[in-house]
Amino acid sequence: QFGEMPQTDIGKALMEMVKQIAFETSLKLGEQEGGIEPKQLALLSSAIQRLEQAESLSYKRELAIRKEVAQQAADTAEKIVTEAGLSASTVKKLKEQILGVTLGN
């Protein structure tokens, strides 16, 4: 399903580009005679904060998608191996491996 979502890669690339621009801008502002004006610093800080928030949201969204995909895979695997006649403990172990967690009884 990630292959069907190129916007995640585009979003990451755009965030990296904006980070680079912010870094280069801060270097240029720092080299100016008199240093960085408070207004410029505030604008740059605000842009960096919004960028960090966007990255955090993107990361959380990606984790949620990965978790959902893993759950779907585990559910499908459970159905298939149950139909194939494997034991409940084998089914449980398989789901644990797919999900990367330890399931209760």
PDB file of N, CA and C in Angstrom:
ATOM      1  N   GLN A   1       0.810  -1.204   0.000  1.00  0.00           N
ATOM      2  CA  GLN A   1       0.000   0.000   0.000  1.00  0.00           C
ATOM      3  C   GLN A   1       0.850   1.263   0.000  1.00  0.00           C
ATOM      4  N   PHE A   2       2.072   1.207   0.545  1.00  0.00           N
ATOM      5  CA  PHE A   2       2.925   2.385   0.506  1.00  0.00           C
ATOM      6  C   PHE A   2       3.304   2.739  -0.919  1.00  0.00           C
ATOM      7  N   GLY A   3       3.409   1.701  -1.781  1.00  0.00           N
ATOM      8  CA  GLY A   3       3.746   1.958  -3.167  1.00  0.00           C
ATOM      9  C   GLY A   3       2.693   2.792  -3.865  1.00  0.00           C
ATOM     10  N   GLU A   4       1.493   2.746  -3.369  1.00  0.00           N
ATOM     11  CA  GLU A   4       0.393   3.511  -3.950  1.00  0.00           C
ATOM     12  C   GLU A   4       0.329   4.929  -3.385  1.00  0.00           C
ATOM     13  N   MET A   5       1.253   5.290  -2.501  1.00  0.00           N
ATOM     14  CA  MET A   5       1.195   6.591  -1.833  1.00  0.00           C
ATOM     15  C   MET A   5       2.481   7.383  -2.058  1.00  0.00           C
ATOM     16  N   PRO A   6       2.753   7.816  -3.289  1.00  0.00           N
ATOM     17  CA  PRO A   6       3.984   8.559  -3.532  1.00  0.00           C
ATOM     18  C   PRO A   6       4.035   9.909  -2.833  1.00  0.00           C
ATOM     19  N   GLN A   7       2.889  10.408  -2.376  1.00  0.00           N
ATOM     20  CA  GLN A   7       2.892  11.702  -1.716  1.00  0.00           C
ATOM     21  C   GLN A   7       3.712  11.680  -0.436  1.00  0.00           C
ATOM     22  N   THR A   8       3.883  10.515   0.199  1.00  0.00           N
ATOM     23  CA  THR A   8       4.715  10.467   1.396  1.00  0.00           C
ATOM     24  C   THR A   8       6.158  10.773   1.040  1.00  0.00           C
ATOM     25  N   ASP A   9       6.641  10.232  -0.072  1.00  0.00           N
ATOM     26  CA  ASP A   9       8.006  10.514  -0.510  1.00  0.00           C
ATOM     27  C   ASP A   9       8.149  11.961  -0.948  1.00  0.00           C
ATOM     28  N   ILE A  10       7.160  12.464  -1.648  1.00  0.00           N
ATOM     29  CA  ILE A  10       7.192  13.858  -2.096  1.00  0.00           C
ATOM     30  C   ILE A  10       7.179  14.788  -0.887  1.00  0.00           C
ATOM     31  N   GLY A  11       6.339  14.484   0.076  1.00  0.00           N
ATOM     32  CA  GLY A  11       6.265  15.304   1.287  1.00  0.00           C
ATOM     33  C   GLY A  11       7.581  15.322   2.039  1.00  0.00           C
ATOM     34  N   LYS A  12       8.221  14.161   2.148  1.00  0.00           N
ATOM     35  CA  LYS A  12       9.513  14.092   2.838  1.00  0.00           C
ATOM     36  C   LYS A  12      10.566  14.898   2.092  1.00  0.00           C
ATOM     37  N   ALA A  13      10.579  14.780   0.777  1.00  0.00           N
ATOM     38  CA  ALA A  13      11.553  15.524  -0.026  1.00  0.00           C
ATOM     39  C   ALA A  13      11.332  17.030   0.113  1.00  0.00           C
ATOM     40  N   LEU A  14      10.070  17.445   0.098  1.00  0.00           N
ATOM     41  CA  LEU A  14       9.769  18.873   0.252  1.00  0.00           C
ATOM     42  C   LEU A  14      10.188  19.389   1.624  1.00  0.00           C
ATOM     43  N   MET A  15       9.961  18.599   2.657  1.00  0.00           N
ATOM     44  CA  MET A  15      10.366  19.014   3.999  1.00  0.00           C
ATOM     45  C   MET A  15      11.880  19.176   4.081  1.00  0.00           C
ATOM     46  N   GLU A  16      12.608  18.254   3.461  1.00  0.00           N
ATOM     47  CA  GLU A  16      14.066  18.356   3.461  1.00  0.00           C
ATOM     48  C   GLU A  16      14.530  19.596   2.706  1.00  0.00           C
ATOM     49  N   MET A  17      13.863  19.905   1.595  1.00  0.00           N
ATOM     50  CA  MET A  17      14.220  21.103   0.830  1.00  0.00           C
ATOM     51  C   MET A  17      13.973  22.367   1.654  1.00  0.00           C
ATOM     52  N   VAL A  18      12.850  22.414   2.339  1.00  0.00           N
ATOM     53  CA  VAL A  18      12.530  23.586   3.157  1.00  0.00           C
ATOM     54  C   VAL A  18      13.520  23.708   4.311  1.00  0.00           C
ATOM     55  N   LYS A  19      13.910  22.584   4.899  1.00  0.00           N
ATOM     56  CA  LYS A  19      14.920  22.609   5.963  1.00  0.00           C
ATOM     57  C   LYS A  19      16.224  23.207   5.447  1.00  0.00           C
ATOM     58  N   GLN A  20      16.618  22.757   4.261  1.00  0.00           N
ATOM     59  CA  GLN A  20      17.859  23.255   3.668  1.00  0.00           C
ATOM     60  C   GLN A  20      17.769  24.756   3.405  1.00  0.00           C
ATOM     61  N   ILE A  21      16.639  25.195   2.885  1.00  0.00           N
ATOM     62  CA  ILE A  21      16.441  26.628   2.625  1.00  0.00           C
ATOM     63  C   ILE A  21      16.496  27.417   3.937  1.00  0.00           C
ATOM     64  N   ALA A  22      15.857  26.895   4.977  1.00  0.00           N
ATOM     65  CA  ALA A  22      15.869  27.573   6.278  1.00  0.00           C
ATOM     66  C   ALA A  22      17.290  27.656   6.824  1.00  0.00           C
ATOM     67  N   PHE A  23      18.050  26.585   6.666  1.00  0.00           N
ATOM     68  CA  PHE A  23      19.431  26.572   7.141  1.00  0.00           C
ATOM     69  C   PHE A  23      20.271  27.601   6.384  1.00  0.00           C
ATOM     70  N   GLU A  24      20.150  27.593   5.059  1.00  0.00           N
ATOM     71  CA  GLU A  24      20.910  28.543   4.243  1.00  0.00           C
ATOM     72  C   GLU A  24      20.506  29.983   4.549  1.00  0.00           C
ATOM     73  N   THR A  25      19.216  30.191   4.772  1.00  0.00           N
ATOM     74  CA  THR A  25      18.731  31.529   5.112  1.00  0.00           C
ATOM     75  C   THR A  25      19.306  31.986   6.443  1.00  0.00           C
ATOM     76  N   SER A  26      19.328  31.089   7.420  1.00  0.00           N
ATOM     77  CA  SER A  26      19.869  31.470   8.729  1.00  0.00           C
ATOM     78  C   SER A  26      21.353  31.797   8.632  1.00  0.00           C
ATOM     79  N   LEU A  27      22.086  31.063   7.797  1.00  0.00           N
ATOM     80  CA  LEU A  27      23.507  31.375   7.608  1.00  0.00           C
ATOM     81  C   LEU A  27      23.685  32.757   6.981  1.00  0.00           C
ATOM     82  N   LYS A  28      22.896  33.043   5.952  1.00  0.00           N
ATOM     83  CA  LYS A  28      22.993  34.347   5.276  1.00  0.00           C
ATOM     84  C   LYS A  28      22.608  35.485   6.218  1.00  0.00           C
ATOM     85  N   LEU A  29      21.560  35.268   6.995  1.00  0.00           N
ATOM     86  CA  LEU A  29      21.132  36.308   7.930  1.00  0.00           C
ATOM     87  C   LEU A  29      22.194  36.545   8.999  1.00  0.00           C
ATOM     88  N   GLY A  30      22.840  35.476   9.419  1.00  0.00           N
ATOM     89  CA  GLY A  30      23.886  35.598  10.432  1.00  0.00           C
ATOM     90  C   GLY A  30      25.118  36.321   9.923  1.00  0.00           C
ATOM     91  N   GLU A  31      25.339  36.276   8.623  1.00  0.00           N
ATOM     92  CA  GLU A  31      26.504  36.928   8.026  1.00  0.00           C
ATOM     93  C   GLU A  31      26.266  38.413   7.767  1.00  0.00           C
ATOM     94  N   GLN A  32      25.024  38.849   7.851  1.00  0.00           N
ATOM     95  CA  GLN A  32      24.713  40.260   7.613  1.00  0.00           C
ATOM     96  C   GLN A  32      25.348  41.121   8.698  1.00  0.00           C
ATOM     97  N   GLU A  33      25.711  42.317   8.296  1.00  0.00           N
ATOM     98  CA  GLU A  33      26.258  43.245   9.280  1.00  0.00           C
ATOM     99  C   GLU A  33      25.155  43.588  10.280  1.00  0.00           C
ATOM    100  N   GLY A  34      25.473  43.482  11.525  1.00  0.00           N
ATOM    101  CA  GLY A  34      24.486  43.748  12.560  1.00  0.00           C
ATOM    102  C   GLY A  34      23.748  42.489  13.001  1.00  0.00           C
ATOM    103  N   GLY A  35      24.001  41.371  12.322  1.00  0.00           N
ATOM    104  CA  GLY A  35      23.383  40.105  12.706  1.00  0.00           C
ATOM    105  C   GLY A  35      21.935  39.991  12.257  1.00  0.00           C
ATOM    106  N   ILE A  36      21.247  39.083  12.876  1.00  0.00           N
ATOM    107  CA  ILE A  36      19.858  38.806  12.524  1.00  0.00           C
ATOM    108  C   ILE A  36      18.941  39.749  13.295  1.00  0.00           C
ATOM    109  N   GLU A  37      18.011  40.350  12.569  1.00  0.00           N
ATOM    110  CA  GLU A  37      17.020  41.206  13.229  1.00  0.00           C
ATOM    111  C   GLU A  37      16.019  40.320  13.963  1.00  0.00           C
ATOM    112  N   PRO A  38      15.497  40.795  15.081  1.00  0.00           N
ATOM    113  CA  PRO A  38      14.539  39.996  15.849  1.00  0.00           C
ATOM    114  C   PRO A  38      13.348  39.510  15.017  1.00  0.00           C
ATOM    115  N   LYS A  39      12.845  40.363  14.124  1.00  0.00           N
ATOM    116  CA  LYS A  39      11.695  39.972  13.303  1.00  0.00           C
ATOM    117  C   LYS A  39      12.074  38.813  12.379  1.00  0.00           C
ATOM    118  N   GLN A  40      13.262  38.885  11.777  1.00  0.00           N
ATOM    119  CA  GLN A  40      13.721  37.816  10.891  1.00  0.00           C
ATOM    120  C   GLN A  40      13.896  36.511  11.664  1.00  0.00           C
ATOM    121  N   LEU A  41      14.463  36.628  12.855  1.00  0.00           N
ATOM    122  CA  LEU A  41      14.665  35.446  13.691  1.00  0.00           C
ATOM    123  C   LEU A  41      13.329  34.827  14.087  1.00  0.00           C
ATOM    124  N   ALA A  42      12.361  35.666  14.417  1.00  0.00           N
ATOM    125  CA  ALA A  42      11.035  35.170  14.795  1.00  0.00           C
ATOM    126  C   ALA A  42      10.369  34.455  13.625  1.00  0.00           C
ATOM    127  N   LEU A  43      10.481  35.027  12.426  1.00  0.00           N
ATOM    128  CA  LEU A  43       9.886  34.391  11.247  1.00  0.00           C
ATOM    129  C   LEU A  43      10.553  33.054  10.946  1.00  0.00           C
ATOM    130  N   LEU A  44      11.865  33.028  11.031  1.00  0.00           N
ATOM    131  CA  LEU A  44      12.595  31.789  10.776  1.00  0.00           C
ATOM    132  C   LEU A  44      12.252  30.730  11.824  1.00  0.00           C
ATOM    133  N   SER A  45      12.194  31.135  13.079  1.00  0.00           N
ATOM    134  CA  SER A  45      11.837  30.204  14.157  1.00  0.00           C
ATOM    135  C   SER A  45      10.437  29.646  13.970  1.00  0.00           C
ATOM    136  N   SER A  46       9.518  30.508  13.574  1.00  0.00           N
ATOM    137  CA  SER A  46       8.141  30.079  13.338  1.00  0.00           C
ATOM    138  C   SER A  46       8.071  29.073  12.192  1.00  0.00           C
ATOM    139  N   ALA A  47       8.815  29.343  11.128  1.00  0.00           N
ATOM    140  CA  ALA A  47       8.828  28.422   9.985  1.00  0.00           C
ATOM    141  C   ALA A  47       9.399  27.070  10.388  1.00  0.00           C
ATOM    142  N   ILE A  48      10.462  27.077  11.172  1.00  0.00           N
ATOM    143  CA  ILE A  48      11.077  25.825  11.622  1.00  0.00           C
ATOM    144  C   ILE A  48      10.114  25.055  12.522  1.00  0.00           C
ATOM    145  N   GLN A  49       9.419  25.757  13.406  1.00  0.00           N
ATOM    146  CA  GLN A  49       8.461  25.100  14.298  1.00  0.00           C
ATOM    147  C   GLN A  49       7.337  24.436  13.502  1.00  0.00           C
ATOM    148  N   ARG A  50       6.807  25.141  12.509  1.00  0.00           N
ATOM    149  CA  ARG A  50       5.734  24.561  11.685  1.00  0.00           C
ATOM    150  C   ARG A  50       6.241  23.359  10.896  1.00  0.00           C
ATOM    151  N   LEU A  51       7.467  23.446  10.433  1.00  0.00           N
ATOM    152  CA  LEU A  51       8.059  22.334   9.702  1.00  0.00           C
ATOM    153  C   LEU A  51       8.193  21.107  10.601  1.00  0.00           C
ATOM    154  N   GLU A  52       8.654  21.312  11.826  1.00  0.00           N
ATOM    155  CA  GLU A  52       8.788  20.204  12.771  1.00  0.00           C
ATOM    156  C   GLU A  52       7.424  19.589  13.092  1.00  0.00           C
ATOM    157  N   GLN A  53       6.405  20.411  13.229  1.00  0.00           N
ATOM    158  CA  GLN A  53       5.059  19.899  13.490  1.00  0.00           C
ATOM    159  C   GLN A  53       4.561  19.074  12.311  1.00  0.00           C
ATOM    160  N   ALA A  54       4.826  19.547  11.107  1.00  0.00           N
ATOM    161  CA  ALA A  54       4.407  18.815   9.909  1.00  0.00           C
ATOM    162  C   ALA A  54       5.135  17.482   9.815  1.00  0.00           C
ATOM    163  N   GLU A  55       6.422  17.467  10.147  1.00  0.00           N
ATOM    164  CA  GLU A  55       7.183  16.216  10.118  1.00  0.00           C
ATOM    165  C   GLU A  55       6.647  15.227  11.145  1.00  0.00           C
ATOM    166  N   SER A  56       6.327  15.731  12.319  1.00  0.00           N
ATOM    167  CA  SER A  56       5.792  14.868  13.369  1.00  0.00           C
ATOM    168  C   SER A  56       4.455  14.261  12.952  1.00  0.00           C
ATOM    169  N   LEU A  57       3.603  15.068  12.371  1.00  0.00           N
ATOM    170  CA  LEU A  57       2.304  14.585  11.898  1.00  0.00           C
ATOM    171  C   LEU A  57       2.483  13.545  10.796  1.00  0.00           C
ATOM    172  N   SER A  58       3.395  13.811   9.884  1.00  0.00           N
ATOM    173  CA  SER A  58       3.667  12.879   8.791  1.00  0.00           C
ATOM    174  C   SER A  58       4.180  11.548   9.332  1.00  0.00           C
ATOM    175  N   TYR A  59       5.069  11.612  10.320  1.00  0.00           N
ATOM    176  CA  TYR A  59       5.621  10.401  10.934  1.00  0.00           C
ATOM    177  C   TYR A  59       4.516   9.598  11.622  1.00  0.00           C
ATOM    178  N   LYS A  60       3.661  10.275  12.365  1.00  0.00           N
ATOM    179  CA  LYS A  60       2.563   9.586  13.053  1.00  0.00           C
ATOM    180  C   LYS A  60       1.604   8.952  12.053  1.00  0.00           C
ATOM    181  N   ARG A  61       1.336   9.657  10.967  1.00  0.00           N
ATOM    182  CA  ARG A  61       0.446   9.129   9.929  1.00  0.00           C
ATOM    183  C   ARG A  61       1.061   7.875   9.302  1.00  0.00           C
ATOM    184  N   GLU A  62       2.352   7.927   9.010  1.00  0.00           N
ATOM    185  CA  GLU A  62       3.025   6.779   8.409  1.00  0.00           C
ATOM    186  C   GLU A  62       3.017   5.578   9.352  1.00  0.00           C
ATOM    187  N   LEU A  63       3.250   5.812  10.640  1.00  0.00           N
ATOM    188  CA  LEU A  63       3.201   4.717  11.615  1.00  0.00           C
ATOM    189  C   LEU A  63       1.812   4.092  11.676  1.00  0.00           C
ATOM    190  N   ALA A  64       0.782   4.924  11.653  1.00  0.00           N
ATOM    191  CA  ALA A  64      -0.591   4.414  11.696  1.00  0.00           C
ATOM    192  C   ALA A  64      -0.892   3.565  10.467  1.00  0.00           C
ATOM    193  N   ILE A  65      -0.423   4.005   9.311  1.00  0.00           N
ATOM    194  CA  ILE A  65      -0.646   3.242   8.081  1.00  0.00           C
ATOM    195  C   ILE A  65       0.083   1.909   8.150  1.00  0.00           C
ATOM    196  N   ARG A  66       1.330   1.941   8.609  1.00  0.00           N
ATOM    197  CA  ARG A  66       2.102   0.690   8.729  1.00  0.00           C
ATOM    198  C   ARG A  66       1.415  -0.286   9.685  1.00  0.00           C
ATOM    199  N   LYS A  67       0.907   0.238  10.797  1.00  0.00           N
ATOM    200  CA  LYS A  67       0.223  -0.608  11.775  1.00  0.00           C
ATOM    201  C   LYS A  67      -1.027  -1.223  11.162  1.00  0.00           C
ATOM    202  N   GLU A  68      -1.775  -0.432  10.418  1.00  0.00           N
ATOM    203  CA  GLU A  68      -2.994  -0.928   9.776  1.00  0.00           C
ATOM    204  C   GLU A  68      -2.672  -2.012   8.748  1.00  0.00           C
ATOM    205  N   VAL A  69      -1.629  -1.785   7.957  1.00  0.00           N
ATOM    206  CA  VAL A  69      -1.231  -2.771   6.949  1.00  0.00           C
ATOM    207  C   VAL A  69      -0.785  -4.068   7.624  1.00  0.00           C
ATOM    208  N   ALA A  70      -0.017  -3.960   8.701  1.00  0.00           N
ATOM    209  CA  ALA A  70       0.425  -5.151   9.428  1.00  0.00           C
ATOM    210  C   ALA A  70      -0.772  -5.906  10.001  1.00  0.00           C
ATOM    211  N   GLN A  71      -1.754  -5.168  10.528  1.00  0.00           N
ATOM    212  CA  GLN A  71      -2.946  -5.814  11.083  1.00  0.00           C
ATOM    213  C   GLN A  71      -3.721  -6.537   9.994  1.00  0.00           C
ATOM    214  N   GLN A  72      -3.854  -5.914   8.829  1.00  0.00           N
ATOM    215  CA  GLN A  72      -4.544  -6.566   7.714  1.00  0.00           C
ATOM    216  C   GLN A  72      -3.807  -7.831   7.282  1.00  0.00           C
ATOM    217  N   ALA A  73      -2.484  -7.764   7.237  1.00  0.00           N
ATOM    218  CA  ALA A  73      -1.687  -8.938   6.863  1.00  0.00           C
ATOM    219  C   ALA A  73      -1.849 -10.044   7.897  1.00  0.00           C
ATOM    220  N   ALA A  74      -1.832  -9.674   9.166  1.00  0.00           N
ATOM    221  CA  ALA A  74      -1.993 -10.664  10.230  1.00  0.00           C
ATOM    222  C   ALA A  74      -3.373 -11.307  10.180  1.00  0.00           C
ATOM    223  N   ASP A  75      -4.397 -10.510   9.949  1.00  0.00           N
ATOM    224  CA  ASP A  75      -5.757 -11.046   9.864  1.00  0.00           C
ATOM    225  C   ASP A  75      -5.906 -11.994   8.676  1.00  0.00           C
ATOM    226  N   THR A  76      -5.325 -11.613   7.543  1.00  0.00           N
ATOM    227  CA  THR A  76      -5.377 -12.464   6.353  1.00  0.00           C
ATOM    228  C   THR A  76      -4.624 -13.763   6.590  1.00  0.00           C
ATOM    229  N   ALA A  77      -3.436 -13.657   7.185  1.00  0.00           N
ATOM    230  CA  ALA A  77      -2.640 -14.855   7.472  1.00  0.00           C
ATOM    231  C   ALA A  77      -3.379 -15.768   8.445  1.00  0.00           C
ATOM    232  N   GLU A  78      -4.009 -15.169   9.450  1.00  0.00           N
ATOM    233  CA  GLU A  78      -4.764 -15.961  10.427  1.00  0.00           C
ATOM    234  C   GLU A  78      -5.876 -16.743   9.731  1.00  0.00           C
ATOM    235  N   LYS A  79      -6.584 -16.092   8.853  1.00  0.00           N
ATOM    236  CA  LYS A  79      -7.681 -16.745   8.135  1.00  0.00           C
ATOM    237  C   LYS A  79      -7.158 -17.909   7.292  1.00  0.00           C
ATOM    238  N   ILE A  80      -6.065 -17.668   6.579  1.00  0.00           N
ATOM    239  CA  ILE A  80      -5.522 -18.695   5.686  1.00  0.00           C
ATOM    240  C   ILE A  80      -5.007 -19.898   6.462  1.00  0.00           C
ATOM    241  N   VAL A  81      -4.228 -19.654   7.520  1.00  0.00           N
ATOM    242  CA  VAL A  81      -3.658 -20.793   8.253  1.00  0.00           C
ATOM    243  C   VAL A  81      -4.708 -21.518   9.075  1.00  0.00           C
ATOM    244  N   THR A  82      -5.734 -20.810   9.516  1.00  0.00           N
ATOM    245  CA  THR A  82      -6.827 -21.473  10.234  1.00  0.00           C
ATOM    246  C   THR A  82      -7.581 -22.397   9.282  1.00  0.00           C
ATOM    247  N   GLU A  83      -7.835 -21.898   8.063  1.00  0.00           N
ATOM    248  CA  GLU A  83      -8.505 -22.728   7.059  1.00  0.00           C
ATOM    249  C   GLU A  83      -7.649 -23.927   6.660  1.00  0.00           C
ATOM    250  N   ALA A  84      -6.332 -23.767   6.753  1.00  0.00           N
ATOM    251  CA  ALA A  84      -5.420 -24.859   6.405  1.00  0.00           C
ATOM    252  C   ALA A  84      -5.309 -25.882   7.534  1.00  0.00           C
ATOM    253  N   GLY A  85      -5.906 -25.578   8.686  1.00  0.00           N
ATOM    254  CA  GLY A  85      -5.954 -26.532   9.778  1.00  0.00           C
ATOM    255  C   GLY A  85      -4.815 -26.435  10.774  1.00  0.00           C
ATOM    256  N   LEU A  86      -4.068 -25.348  10.786  1.00  0.00           N
ATOM    257  CA  LEU A  86      -2.995 -25.201  11.759  1.00  0.00           C
ATOM    258  C   LEU A  86      -3.586 -24.958  13.142  1.00  0.00           C
ATOM    259  N   SER A  87      -2.806 -25.284  14.155  1.00  0.00           N
ATOM    260  CA  SER A  87      -3.284 -25.155  15.530  1.00  0.00           C
ATOM    261  C   SER A  87      -3.413 -23.687  15.930  1.00  0.00           C
ATOM    262  N   ALA A  88      -4.195 -23.471  16.986  1.00  0.00           N
ATOM    263  CA  ALA A  88      -4.411 -22.111  17.486  1.00  0.00           C
ATOM    264  C   ALA A  88      -3.098 -21.487  17.948  1.00  0.00           C
ATOM    265  N   SER A  89      -2.221 -22.282  18.559  1.00  0.00           N
ATOM    266  CA  SER A  89      -0.943 -21.733  19.028  1.00  0.00           C
ATOM    267  C   SER A  89      -0.052 -21.324  17.856  1.00  0.00           C
ATOM    268  N   THR A  90      -0.099 -22.084  16.764  1.00  0.00           N
ATOM    269  CA  THR A  90       0.679 -21.728  15.573  1.00  0.00           C
ATOM    270  C   THR A  90       0.137 -20.445  14.954  1.00  0.00           C
ATOM    271  N   VAL A  91      -1.177 -20.331  14.903  1.00  0.00           N
ATOM    272  CA  VAL A  91      -1.814 -19.122  14.376  1.00  0.00           C
ATOM    273  C   VAL A  91      -1.403 -17.919  15.218  1.00  0.00           C
ATOM    274  N   LYS A  92      -1.432 -18.091  16.537  1.00  0.00           N
ATOM    275  CA  LYS A  92      -1.059 -17.009  17.451  1.00  0.00           C
ATOM    276  C   LYS A  92       0.395 -16.595  17.228  1.00  0.00           C
ATOM    277  N   LYS A  93       1.289 -17.566  17.107  1.00  0.00           N
ATOM    278  CA  LYS A  93       2.709 -17.265  16.889  1.00  0.00           C
ATOM    279  C   LYS A  93       2.913 -16.522  15.572  1.00  0.00           C
ATOM    280  N   LEU A  94       2.200 -16.923  14.554  1.00  0.00           N
ATOM    281  CA  LEU A  94       2.309 -16.266  13.252  1.00  0.00           C
ATOM    282  C   LEU A  94       1.863 -14.804  13.339  1.00  0.00           C
ATOM    283  N   LYS A  95       0.728 -14.574  13.989  1.00  0.00           N
ATOM    284  CA  LYS A  95       0.234 -13.196  14.145  1.00  0.00           C
ATOM    285  C   LYS A  95       1.219 -12.353  14.951  1.00  0.00           C
ATOM    286  N   GLU A  96       1.791 -12.947  15.994  1.00  0.00           N
ATOM    287  CA  GLU A  96       2.765 -12.214  16.803  1.00  0.00           C
ATOM    288  C   GLU A  96       3.976 -11.806  15.964  1.00  0.00           C
ATOM    289  N   GLN A  97       4.426 -12.714  15.106  1.00  0.00           N
ATOM    290  CA  GLN A  97       5.570 -12.409  14.250  1.00  0.00           C
ATOM    291  C   GLN A  97       5.240 -11.291  13.260  1.00  0.00           C
ATOM    292  N   ILE A  98       4.072 -11.335  12.673  1.00  0.00           N
ATOM    293  CA  ILE A  98       3.680 -10.314  11.695  1.00  0.00           C
ATOM    294  C   ILE A  98       3.512  -8.956  12.373  1.00  0.00           C
ATOM    295  N   LEU A  99       2.876  -8.944  13.528  1.00  0.00           N
ATOM    296  CA  LEU A  99       2.584  -7.686  14.216  1.00  0.00           C
ATOM    297  C   LEU A  99       3.746  -7.180  15.064  1.00  0.00           C
ATOM    298  N   GLY A 100       4.689  -8.077  15.385  1.00  0.00           N
ATOM    299  CA  GLY A 100       5.816  -7.671  16.213  1.00  0.00           C
ATOM    300  C   GLY A 100       5.427  -7.426  17.657  1.00  0.00           C
ATOM    301  N   VAL A 101       4.413  -8.148  18.129  1.00  0.00           N
ATOM    302  CA  VAL A 101       3.945  -8.001  19.506  1.00  0.00           C
ATOM    303  C   VAL A 101       3.691  -9.380  20.095  1.00  0.00           C
ATOM    304  N   THR A 102       3.489  -9.418  21.398  1.00  0.00           N
ATOM    305  CA  THR A 102       3.087 -10.648  22.067  1.00  0.00           C
ATOM    306  C   THR A 102       1.610 -10.528  22.387  1.00  0.00           C
ATOM    307  N   LEU A 103       0.839 -11.484  21.892  1.00  0.00           N
ATOM    308  CA  LEU A 103      -0.607 -11.464  22.104  1.00  0.00           C
ATOM    309  C   LEU A 103      -0.954 -12.218  23.372  1.00  0.00           C
ATOM    310  N   GLY A 104      -2.026 -11.796  24.026  1.00  0.00           N
ATOM    311  CA  GLY A 104      -2.512 -12.510  25.198  1.00  0.00           C
ATOM    312  C   GLY A 104      -3.154 -13.820  24.788  1.00  0.00           C
ATOM    313  N   ASN A 105      -3.666 -14.552  25.760  1.00  0.00           N
ATOM    314  CA  ASN A 105      -4.299 -15.844  25.463  1.00  0.00           C
ATOM    315  C   ASN A 105      -5.429 -15.653  24.583  1.00  0.00           C
TER     316      ASN A 105
END
